[in-house]
Protein backbone atom coordinates (compact mmCIF):
# COMPACT_ATOMS: atom_id res chain seq x y z
CA UNK A 1 25.66 22.11 8.15
CA UNK A 2 25.75 18.56 9.09
CA UNK A 3 26.87 16.36 6.21
CA UNK A 4 25.62 13.00 5.40
CA UNK A 5 27.32 10.23 7.01
CA UNK A 6 29.45 7.96 4.88
CA UNK A 7 27.25 5.05 5.40
CA UNK A 8 25.60 4.57 1.78
CA UNK A 9 24.13 1.47 0.53
CA UNK A 10 23.48 0.62 -3.08
CA UNK A 11 20.47 -1.71 -4.27
CA UNK A 12 18.99 -2.43 -7.37
CA UNK A 13 15.29 -1.24 -8.00
CA UNK A 14 12.86 -3.82 -6.66
CA UNK A 15 9.17 -4.60 -5.80
CA UNK A 16 7.52 -3.95 -2.50
CA UNK A 17 4.39 -4.89 -0.60
CA UNK A 18 1.26 -6.32 -2.00
CA UNK A 19 -1.54 -3.71 -2.38
CA UNK A 20 -5.01 -4.44 -1.28
CA UNK A 21 -7.41 -5.09 -3.77
CA UNK A 22 -5.31 -5.75 -6.62
CA UNK A 23 -4.63 -8.36 -9.22
CA UNK A 24 -1.24 -9.90 -9.94
CA UNK A 25 0.23 -7.01 -11.19
CA UNK A 26 0.10 -5.29 -7.68
CA UNK A 27 1.39 -8.23 -5.99
CA UNK A 28 4.14 -5.95 -5.04
CA UNK A 29 4.50 -1.99 -5.40
CA UNK A 30 6.69 -2.62 -8.13
CA UNK A 31 7.27 -2.08 -11.87
CA UNK A 32 9.17 -0.91 -14.62
CA UNK A 33 11.95 1.73 -14.43
CA UNK A 34 12.17 5.00 -16.55
CA UNK A 35 15.48 3.53 -17.79
CA UNK A 36 13.57 0.59 -19.21
CA UNK A 37 11.20 2.92 -21.10
CA UNK A 38 13.77 4.50 -22.77
CA UNK A 39 15.22 1.33 -24.21
CA UNK A 40 15.07 1.66 -28.02
CA UNK A 41 13.38 -0.72 -30.53
CA UNK A 42 16.84 -2.25 -31.70
CA UNK A 43 17.73 -3.32 -28.06
CA UNK A 44 14.16 -5.21 -27.82
CA UNK A 45 16.06 -8.53 -28.15
CA UNK A 46 17.47 -8.18 -24.81
CA UNK A 47 16.93 -11.08 -22.74
CA UNK A 48 14.86 -10.67 -19.30
CA UNK A 49 17.99 -10.85 -17.39
CA UNK A 50 19.88 -8.28 -19.29
CA UNK A 51 16.63 -6.22 -19.01
CA UNK A 52 16.88 -6.38 -15.12
CA UNK A 53 20.52 -5.51 -15.18
CA UNK A 54 19.82 -2.21 -16.94
CA UNK A 55 17.63 -0.81 -14.32
CA UNK A 56 19.18 2.02 -12.28
CA UNK A 57 20.67 1.22 -8.89
CA UNK A 58 19.09 2.58 -5.69
CA UNK A 59 21.44 4.34 -3.39
CA UNK A 60 20.64 4.73 0.26
CA UNK A 61 22.66 6.96 2.94
CA UNK A 62 21.73 8.05 6.53
CA UNK A 63 22.18 11.40 8.16
CA UNK A 64 23.43 11.92 11.63
CA UNK A 65 20.13 12.14 13.13
CA UNK A 66 18.90 9.05 11.48
CA UNK A 67 17.08 10.37 8.49
CA UNK A 68 17.44 7.79 5.52
CA UNK A 69 17.79 9.16 1.86
CA UNK A 70 17.37 6.94 -0.87
CA UNK A 71 17.25 7.62 -4.50
CA UNK A 72 17.18 5.87 -7.92
CA UNK A 73 18.89 8.07 -10.95
CA UNK A 74 17.40 7.81 -14.20
CA UNK A 75 18.45 10.78 -15.99
CA UNK A 76 14.84 12.08 -16.66
CA UNK A 77 13.90 15.84 -17.02
CA UNK A 78 11.37 15.17 -14.02
CA UNK A 79 11.82 14.14 -10.53
CA UNK A 80 9.67 13.25 -7.77
CA UNK A 81 10.69 13.52 -4.07
CA UNK A 82 8.99 13.06 -0.75
CA UNK A 83 9.26 11.95 2.80
CA UNK A 84 7.67 8.70 4.16
CA UNK A 85 6.99 8.53 7.87
CA UNK A 86 6.19 5.55 9.98
CA UNK A 87 3.02 6.92 11.11
CA UNK A 88 -0.66 6.15 10.63
CA UNK A 89 -3.79 4.95 12.27
CA UNK A 90 -2.32 1.97 13.63
CA UNK A 91 0.10 4.15 15.83
CA UNK A 92 -3.12 5.99 17.26
CA UNK A 93 -5.52 5.50 19.91
CA UNK A 94 -9.30 5.87 20.40
CA UNK A 95 -8.73 9.47 21.47
CA UNK A 96 -6.44 10.61 18.55
CA UNK A 97 -7.52 8.29 15.74
CA UNK A 98 -7.56 10.16 12.54
CA UNK A 99 -5.00 12.74 13.59
CA UNK A 100 -2.50 11.40 10.98
CA UNK A 101 -5.17 12.04 8.32
CA UNK A 102 -5.87 15.38 9.58
CA UNK A 103 -2.28 16.51 9.39
CA UNK A 104 -1.86 15.14 5.76
CA UNK A 105 -4.62 17.54 5.17
CA UNK A 106 -2.87 20.38 6.92
CA UNK A 107 0.12 20.05 4.54
CA UNK A 108 -1.84 22.06 1.97
CA UNK A 109 -2.77 24.83 4.57
CA UNK A 110 0.49 26.39 4.48
CA UNK A 111 3.47 26.53 6.91
CA UNK A 112 4.93 28.90 9.48
CA UNK A 113 7.06 30.54 6.57
CA UNK A 114 4.42 30.10 3.74
CA UNK A 115 0.88 30.88 4.02
CA UNK A 116 -1.65 28.86 2.24
CA UNK A 117 -1.53 31.24 -0.86
CA UNK A 118 2.08 31.71 -0.90
CA UNK A 119 2.52 27.90 -0.58
CA UNK A 120 0.24 27.25 -3.43
CA UNK A 121 1.66 30.07 -5.67
CA UNK A 122 5.12 28.99 -4.98
CA UNK A 123 4.42 25.32 -6.03
CA UNK A 124 2.66 26.42 -9.16
CA UNK A 125 5.22 28.85 -10.05
CA UNK A 126 7.69 25.79 -10.79
CA UNK A 127 4.93 23.52 -12.30
CA UNK A 128 5.24 21.04 -9.27
CA UNK A 129 2.40 18.79 -7.77
CA UNK A 130 2.10 18.42 -4.07
CA UNK A 131 0.59 15.28 -2.96
CA UNK A 132 -0.24 13.32 0.29
CA UNK A 133 -1.60 10.22 1.55
CA UNK A 134 -2.03 8.22 4.89
CA UNK A 135 -2.22 4.59 5.36
CA UNK A 136 -2.66 2.50 8.53
CA UNK A 137 1.15 2.46 9.09
CA UNK A 138 2.53 5.02 6.81
CA UNK A 139 2.17 8.69 5.87
CA UNK A 140 3.52 10.15 2.75
CA UNK A 141 4.13 13.64 1.33
CA UNK A 142 5.89 14.31 -1.88
CA UNK A 143 6.42 16.61 -4.74
CA UNK A 144 6.75 16.03 -8.58
CA UNK A 145 8.84 18.72 -10.49
CA UNK A 146 11.24 19.12 -12.97
CA UNK A 147 14.60 17.96 -12.34
CA UNK A 148 16.32 21.36 -12.34
CA UNK A 149 13.88 22.37 -9.60
CA UNK A 150 14.90 19.79 -7.04
CA UNK A 151 16.49 21.94 -4.59
CA UNK A 152 13.23 24.16 -4.29
CA UNK A 153 11.36 20.91 -4.16
CA UNK A 154 13.36 19.81 -1.21
CA UNK A 155 13.24 23.04 0.41
CA UNK A 156 9.68 23.18 0.13
CA UNK A 157 9.13 19.75 1.21
CA UNK A 158 11.03 20.04 4.37
CA UNK A 159 9.25 23.43 5.37
CA UNK A 160 5.91 21.48 4.91
CA UNK A 161 6.79 18.37 7.02
CA UNK A 162 8.59 20.49 9.71
CA UNK A 163 6.69 23.59 9.97
CA UNK A 164 2.95 22.98 9.23
CA UNK A 165 0.60 26.06 10.05
CA UNK A 166 -1.41 24.87 13.27
CA UNK A 167 -3.26 28.20 13.36
CA UNK A 168 -6.99 28.01 14.50
CA UNK A 169 -8.20 29.27 11.12
CA UNK A 170 -6.30 26.81 9.30
CA UNK A 171 -7.59 23.98 11.64
CA UNK A 172 -11.02 24.86 11.11
CA UNK A 173 -10.87 25.05 7.37
CA UNK A 174 -9.05 21.46 7.55
CA UNK A 175 -11.64 20.04 9.88
CA UNK A 176 -14.40 21.12 7.20
CA UNK A 177 -12.73 19.67 4.47
CA UNK A 178 -12.07 16.31 6.24
CA UNK A 179 -15.38 15.82 7.44
CA UNK A 180 -16.87 16.60 3.87
CA UNK A 181 -14.72 14.02 2.73
CA UNK A 182 -15.80 11.54 5.31
CA UNK A 183 -19.16 11.86 3.75
CA UNK A 184 -18.07 11.05 0.33
CA UNK A 185 -16.05 8.13 1.63
CA UNK A 186 -19.21 6.64 2.91
CA UNK A 187 -20.41 6.07 -0.72
CA UNK A 188 -17.23 4.34 -1.77
CA UNK A 189 -18.60 0.84 -0.91
CA UNK A 190 -15.33 -1.15 -1.54
CA UNK A 191 -13.51 1.22 0.83
CA UNK A 192 -16.20 0.72 3.47
CA UNK A 193 -16.21 -3.00 2.89
CA UNK A 194 -12.53 -3.12 3.51
CA UNK A 195 -12.80 -0.77 6.83
CA UNK A 196 -15.47 -3.35 8.04
CA UNK A 197 -13.00 -6.31 7.34
CA UNK A 198 -10.19 -4.84 9.47
CA UNK A 199 -12.99 -3.97 12.22
CA UNK A 200 -14.07 -7.39 12.47
CA UNK A 201 -10.46 -9.16 11.83
CA UNK A 202 -8.60 -7.04 14.32
CA UNK A 203 -11.41 -6.32 16.69
CA UNK A 204 -10.45 -4.35 19.76
CA UNK A 205 -6.66 -3.58 18.36
CA UNK A 206 -5.10 -0.80 16.69
CA UNK A 207 -5.59 -2.22 13.07
CA UNK A 208 -9.49 -2.24 13.40
CA UNK A 209 -9.49 1.51 13.39
CA UNK A 210 -10.02 3.41 10.16
CA UNK A 211 -7.36 5.85 8.68
CA UNK A 212 -9.56 8.71 8.74
CA UNK A 213 -10.95 8.12 12.37
CA UNK A 214 -14.47 8.90 13.66
CA UNK A 215 -16.17 12.18 13.03
CA UNK A 216 -16.36 12.84 16.73
CA UNK A 217 -12.57 12.93 16.83
CA UNK A 218 -12.29 15.15 13.75
CA UNK A 219 -14.69 17.71 15.38
CA UNK A 220 -12.68 18.23 18.41
CA UNK A 221 -8.97 18.31 17.31
CA UNK A 222 -7.08 21.08 18.87
CA UNK A 223 -3.80 22.60 18.23
CA UNK A 224 -2.39 20.91 21.45
CA UNK A 225 -3.70 17.44 20.23
CA UNK A 226 -2.02 17.88 16.63
CA UNK A 227 1.04 19.19 18.11
CA UNK A 228 1.28 16.30 20.28
CA UNK A 229 1.13 13.67 17.39
CA UNK A 230 3.83 15.60 15.53
CA UNK A 231 6.19 15.67 18.57
CA UNK A 232 5.74 11.99 18.87
CA UNK A 233 5.75 10.69 15.36
CA UNK A 234 7.83 13.08 13.04
CA UNK A 235 11.13 12.10 14.10
CA UNK A 236 13.90 11.84 11.83
CA UNK A 237 14.71 7.85 12.26
CA UNK A 238 11.06 7.07 11.50
CA UNK A 239 11.55 9.23 8.18
CA UNK A 240 12.76 8.18 4.41
CA UNK A 241 13.45 11.07 1.99
CA UNK A 242 13.00 9.34 -1.31
CA UNK A 243 13.64 10.31 -4.82
CA UNK A 244 13.58 9.16 -8.39
CA UNK A 245 14.19 10.66 -11.88
CA UNK A 246 16.82 13.24 -12.86
CA UNK A 247 18.44 13.56 -9.70
CA UNK A 248 21.80 13.15 -8.23
CA UNK A 249 22.34 11.23 -5.01
CA UNK A 250 25.14 13.53 -3.44
CA UNK A 251 23.12 16.50 -4.29
CA UNK A 252 20.05 15.07 -2.61
CA UNK A 253 22.07 14.13 0.65
CA UNK A 254 23.48 17.46 0.58
CA UNK A 255 19.98 19.16 0.37
CA UNK A 256 18.79 16.77 2.95
CA UNK A 257 21.60 17.81 5.36
CA UNK A 258 20.67 21.29 4.74
CA UNK A 259 16.96 21.10 5.34
CA UNK A 260 16.39 18.18 7.59
CA UNK A 261 19.25 17.96 9.75
CA UNK A 262 17.31 19.82 12.42
CA UNK A 263 14.74 16.87 12.76
CA UNK A 264 14.84 15.53 16.05
CA UNK A 265 15.74 12.00 16.84
CA UNK A 266 14.66 12.22 20.57
CA UNK A 267 11.84 11.32 22.28
CA UNK A 268 10.14 13.29 25.36
CA UNK A 269 10.44 11.14 28.66
CA UNK A 270 12.04 8.45 26.09
CA UNK A 271 8.48 7.52 24.95
CA UNK A 272 8.97 5.74 21.61
CA UNK A 273 5.94 4.71 19.41
CA UNK A 274 6.07 1.03 19.02
CA UNK A 275 3.36 -1.30 17.17
CA UNK A 276 1.50 -3.11 19.54
CA UNK A 277 0.59 -6.84 18.27
CA UNK A 278 -2.84 -6.96 16.39
CA UNK A 279 -4.88 -10.23 17.12
CA UNK A 280 -6.56 -11.61 14.23
CA UNK A 281 -10.10 -13.08 15.02
CA UNK A 282 -12.12 -15.28 12.52
CA UNK A 283 -15.85 -13.60 12.50
CA UNK A 284 -18.22 -11.71 10.41
CA UNK A 285 -19.58 -8.17 10.21
CA UNK A 286 -22.42 -7.19 8.07
CA UNK A 287 -24.16 -3.97 7.22
CA UNK A 288 -27.40 -4.48 5.57
CA UNK A 289 -29.00 -1.80 3.07
CA UNK A 290 -31.67 -3.13 0.83
CA UNK A 291 -31.52 0.06 -1.23
CA UNK A 292 -28.39 -0.62 -2.63
CA UNK A 293 -28.32 -2.82 -6.21
CA UNK A 294 -25.35 -4.82 -5.37
CA UNK A 295 -23.53 -6.32 -2.34
CA UNK A 296 -19.97 -5.90 -1.51
CA UNK A 297 -18.41 -9.01 0.29
CA UNK A 298 -14.79 -9.60 1.32
CA UNK A 299 -13.52 -12.82 2.87
CA UNK A 300 -9.89 -13.24 4.22
CA UNK A 301 -7.61 -15.27 6.39
CA UNK A 302 -4.80 -13.90 8.60
CA UNK A 303 -1.76 -13.44 6.13
CA UNK A 304 1.76 -13.12 6.95
CA UNK A 305 3.55 -9.78 7.59
CA UNK A 306 5.65 -7.75 4.97
CA UNK A 307 8.95 -9.62 5.53
CA UNK A 308 7.57 -13.17 5.45
CA UNK A 309 9.08 -15.20 2.43
CA UNK A 310 5.71 -16.82 1.94
CA UNK A 311 4.45 -13.64 0.30
CA UNK A 312 5.95 -14.81 -3.03
CA UNK A 313 4.21 -18.13 -3.28
CA UNK A 314 0.90 -16.12 -1.83
CA UNK A 315 1.30 -13.62 -4.78
CA UNK A 316 1.61 -16.66 -7.14
CA UNK A 317 -1.59 -18.03 -5.66
CA UNK A 318 -3.40 -14.76 -6.20
CA UNK A 319 -2.21 -14.56 -9.83
CA UNK A 320 -3.81 -18.10 -10.48
CA UNK A 321 -6.99 -17.15 -8.70
CA UNK A 322 -6.76 -13.57 -10.83
CA UNK A 323 -9.38 -10.92 -11.03
CA UNK A 324 -12.34 -10.28 -13.04
CA UNK A 325 -14.88 -7.33 -14.21
CA UNK A 326 -17.91 -7.91 -16.21
CA UNK A 327 -16.45 -5.17 -18.81
CA UNK A 328 -13.75 -7.56 -19.64
CA UNK A 329 -14.12 -9.43 -22.74
CA UNK A 330 -13.09 -13.27 -22.95
CA UNK A 331 -15.91 -14.89 -21.08
CA UNK A 332 -15.39 -18.74 -21.45
CA UNK A 333 -11.93 -18.20 -22.67
CA UNK A 334 -10.50 -16.50 -19.51
CA UNK A 335 -7.72 -18.46 -17.93
CA UNK A 336 -8.80 -17.99 -14.20
CA UNK A 337 -11.22 -20.80 -13.26
CA UNK A 338 -13.05 -18.25 -11.02
CA UNK A 339 -13.36 -15.73 -13.80
CA UNK A 340 -14.60 -18.13 -16.37
CA UNK A 341 -17.21 -19.39 -13.95
CA UNK A 342 -18.26 -15.91 -13.01
CA UNK A 343 -18.50 -14.89 -16.84
CA UNK A 344 -20.33 -17.83 -18.02
CA UNK A 345 -23.05 -18.07 -15.20
CA UNK A 346 -23.15 -14.07 -14.64
CA UNK A 347 -22.40 -14.56 -11.09
CA UNK A 348 -20.71 -11.23 -10.14
CA UNK A 349 -19.78 -7.68 -11.41
CA UNK A 350 -16.36 -8.05 -10.50
CA UNK A 351 -14.01 -9.67 -7.93
CA UNK A 352 -10.29 -9.28 -6.80
CA UNK A 353 -7.99 -11.32 -5.00
CA UNK A 354 -5.82 -9.30 -2.48
CA UNK A 355 -3.12 -9.48 0.05
CA UNK A 356 -2.91 -6.72 2.12
CA UNK A 357 0.49 -6.79 4.17
CA UNK A 358 1.51 -5.03 7.42
CA UNK A 359 4.67 -5.20 9.77
CA UNK A 360 3.51 -8.41 11.42
CA UNK A 361 0.20 -9.61 9.99
CA UNK A 362 -1.85 -9.31 6.86
CA UNK A 363 -5.11 -10.10 5.18
CA UNK A 364 -5.10 -12.63 2.42
CA UNK A 365 -8.45 -12.83 0.62
CA UNK A 366 -10.86 -12.00 -2.14
CA UNK A 367 -13.29 -9.09 -2.77
CA UNK A 368 -16.37 -9.41 -4.78
CA UNK A 369 -19.38 -7.38 -5.96
CA UNK A 370 -22.45 -9.32 -6.75
CA UNK A 371 -26.25 -9.55 -6.76
CA UNK A 372 -27.75 -10.59 -3.44
CA UNK A 373 -28.79 -13.99 -4.90
CA UNK A 374 -25.46 -14.93 -6.05
CA UNK A 375 -23.39 -14.16 -2.96
CA UNK A 376 -23.61 -17.82 -1.70
CA UNK A 377 -22.53 -18.95 -5.13
CA UNK A 378 -19.53 -16.72 -5.33
CA UNK A 379 -18.44 -17.87 -1.62
CA UNK A 380 -18.87 -21.44 -2.88
CA UNK A 381 -16.68 -20.84 -5.95
CA UNK A 382 -14.11 -18.69 -4.20
CA UNK A 383 -13.41 -21.11 -1.46
CA UNK A 384 -13.34 -24.21 -3.92
CA UNK A 385 -10.59 -22.55 -5.82
CA UNK A 386 -8.68 -21.67 -2.70
CA UNK A 387 -8.94 -25.53 -2.03
CA UNK A 388 -8.05 -26.60 -5.45
CA UNK A 389 -4.85 -24.38 -5.32
CA UNK A 390 -4.00 -25.99 -2.00
CA UNK A 391 -4.58 -29.46 -3.23
CA UNK A 392 -4.06 -29.61 -6.94
CA UNK A 393 -2.55 -26.66 -8.40
CA UNK A 394 -0.63 -27.70 -11.62
CA UNK A 395 2.67 -27.31 -12.92
CA UNK A 396 1.30 -25.42 -16.10
CA UNK A 397 -0.58 -22.86 -14.27
CA UNK A 398 2.02 -22.19 -11.98
CA UNK A 399 4.45 -21.31 -14.95
CA UNK A 400 1.93 -19.17 -16.41
CA UNK A 401 1.61 -17.36 -13.14
CA UNK A 402 5.24 -16.91 -12.87
CA UNK A 403 5.48 -15.14 -16.23
CA UNK A 404 2.42 -13.03 -15.36
CA UNK A 405 3.92 -11.84 -12.09
CA UNK A 406 7.35 -11.31 -13.51
CA UNK A 407 5.80 -9.35 -16.25
CA UNK A 408 3.91 -7.12 -13.61
CA UNK A 409 6.97 -6.52 -11.64
CA UNK A 410 8.92 -4.97 -14.61
CA UNK A 411 5.71 -3.37 -16.08
CA UNK A 412 4.09 -1.84 -12.66
CA UNK A 413 6.19 1.16 -12.03
CA UNK A 414 5.96 3.90 -14.98
CA UNK A 415 7.25 7.36 -14.03
CA UNK A 416 8.94 9.08 -11.35
CA UNK A 417 6.23 9.10 -8.90
CA UNK A 418 5.70 5.39 -8.65
CA UNK A 419 9.21 4.63 -8.41
CA UNK A 420 9.68 7.18 -5.65
CA UNK A 421 6.74 5.81 -3.86
CA UNK A 422 8.15 2.26 -4.32
CA UNK A 423 11.48 3.30 -2.68
CA UNK A 424 9.91 5.39 0.20
CA UNK A 425 7.53 2.62 1.15
CA UNK A 426 9.89 -0.31 0.84
CA UNK A 427 12.81 1.31 2.79
CA UNK A 428 10.51 2.24 5.44
CA UNK A 429 9.10 -1.29 5.63
CA UNK A 430 12.25 -3.52 4.75
CA UNK A 431 15.24 -1.01 5.62
CA UNK A 432 16.36 -1.63 2.11
CA UNK A 433 15.17 -2.17 -1.49
CA UNK A 434 15.42 -5.68 -2.52
CA UNK A 435 16.71 -5.92 -6.01
CA UNK A 436 14.16 -7.03 -9.00
CA UNK A 437 16.72 -9.66 -9.71
CA UNK A 438 16.36 -11.08 -6.10
CA UNK A 439 12.56 -11.01 -6.37
CA UNK A 440 12.97 -12.99 -9.81
CA UNK A 441 14.87 -15.61 -8.12
CA UNK A 442 12.42 -16.01 -5.25
CA UNK A 443 9.63 -16.41 -8.07
CA UNK A 444 11.64 -19.04 -9.68
CA UNK A 445 12.39 -20.55 -6.45
CA UNK A 446 8.64 -21.64 -5.78
CA UNK A 447 7.51 -24.95 -7.15
CA UNK A 448 4.08 -26.49 -7.10
CA UNK A 449 4.76 -28.30 -3.91
CA UNK A 450 5.90 -25.08 -2.30
CA UNK A 451 2.67 -23.37 -3.55
CA UNK A 452 0.30 -25.89 -2.16
CA UNK A 453 2.12 -26.11 1.01
CA UNK A 454 2.35 -22.13 1.50
CA UNK A 455 -1.41 -21.76 0.52
CA UNK A 456 -2.49 -24.62 2.66
CA UNK A 457 -0.53 -23.03 5.81
CA UNK A 458 -2.77 -19.92 5.54
CA UNK A 459 -6.01 -21.38 3.84
CA UNK A 460 -6.67 -25.21 5.39
CA UNK A 461 -9.08 -24.99 8.38
CA UNK A 462 -8.52 -21.65 9.16
CA UNK A 463 -11.16 -19.08 10.69
CA UNK A 464 -11.87 -16.42 8.00
CA UNK A 465 -12.92 -12.99 8.72
CA UNK A 466 -16.27 -11.76 6.56
CA UNK A 467 -17.48 -8.41 5.91
CA UNK A 468 -20.49 -7.52 3.62
CA UNK A 469 -22.31 -4.19 2.83
CA UNK A 470 -25.45 -4.06 0.84
CA UNK A 471 -28.68 -6.19 0.56
CA UNK A 472 -27.01 -9.23 1.91
CA UNK A 473 -29.62 -11.23 3.38
CA UNK A 474 -28.24 -14.05 1.34
CA UNK A 475 -24.69 -14.21 3.03
CA UNK A 476 -24.43 -17.72 4.41
CA UNK A 477 -24.25 -18.52 7.94
CA UNK A 478 -20.72 -18.08 9.31
CA UNK A 479 -20.38 -21.70 10.43
CA UNK A 480 -21.24 -22.51 6.82
CA UNK A 481 -18.18 -20.39 5.66
CA UNK A 482 -15.96 -21.51 8.39
CA UNK A 483 -16.71 -25.19 7.48
CA UNK A 484 -15.59 -24.56 3.72
CA UNK A 485 -12.24 -24.09 5.09
CA UNK A 486 -11.63 -27.62 5.75
CA UNK A 487 -11.46 -30.43 3.45
CA UNK A 488 -10.05 -34.10 3.43
CA UNK A 489 -6.60 -34.54 2.99
CA UNK A 490 -4.94 -37.85 1.94
């Protein structure tokens, strides 16, 4: 059997990319380590720096075929192990858009070795949970189980990833499930709004496509189509085997060598999937439905890619902008200017600042849910707050934002599954796991001038993309929205 190569890199636990539609706490996929949760009360006097130092290390190794293994050992009785793959709708074309999402669902339909019933019984017999998800740039398949069952979990995971059942009967069952899910997704207006936002912001580029794909594709996918997708994308160098909890890194490497060393690292005819550049276009897309009680509206400018240092300042800007829901208490006492105004004048049901980041581009903006008569007011307030942050953000609110963001970075991850997700996503995106101490230093390095300058870089005189769903006849003319992105500077 092939052993793991002696290339092992150690990193401390860190945060990752900013989740769409989230508040400050999700500025990065990050959070509290299980080791942090186990600290006793008599150690509560530890300083913030000492707390960071107590976070377990993340070790990264690489097999001969290019598969990366990354893990964080916290000594818990449970663990989560999964495979993160550089495959998603951005790698698809018009013909196979939705194939990644379709294959994600096939993971539950059994393998060549384990029919669906056998797979379900085996996972259940060890008290484990098998989960999957697909985004525009990544696909994940992971299992949460007891730490003592790590060998069995890795073996099942390897079987599911490498030997999916592509029998016609299972494909037809999956087709029915996906088509039914697509009908349900149409009722999730926030998701629909963000799909429209991508469609208009990245029109005529791969990022404009939805993750689930069009129903026309789902209805006609064949075994050959799915096999072609697997052979193109399921390659060892495009994967990360991540684990967190009560695991041992050396044992994980041995298990990976035993079960994943057969993964190919070669491409047929040397055709290697690459991400084509996606052009951002300032534009608007509106889907009017007067039967809906509230309108979902999103406005965004082009943001930076996942590796840009500007993301820290933008995370702080979004922390200042904050989020709001009508069910919150506080009203006039809320710290966010936008939230305070929205609560006082009953302007919206909710709003969320977001920074969706991809490899080389992103969407930085705000999503709000409001009555049709308040849409224009919400645009005015949101764009006014952007201008204020760019021109007159204060030292006091920046200091408060830094505390909130640091707290969120420590508190976000709770349990082995979110920690494992953070490892997989971050190693796949960055090639490493940046330490939480490093994120802390980057946050401290942002001063008020940097905050204003970085915010202005992406907001000042930029053409935004706008998407709306619902009774939206009150959406301002695009030229009016565009003109509010410009203001006098001295």
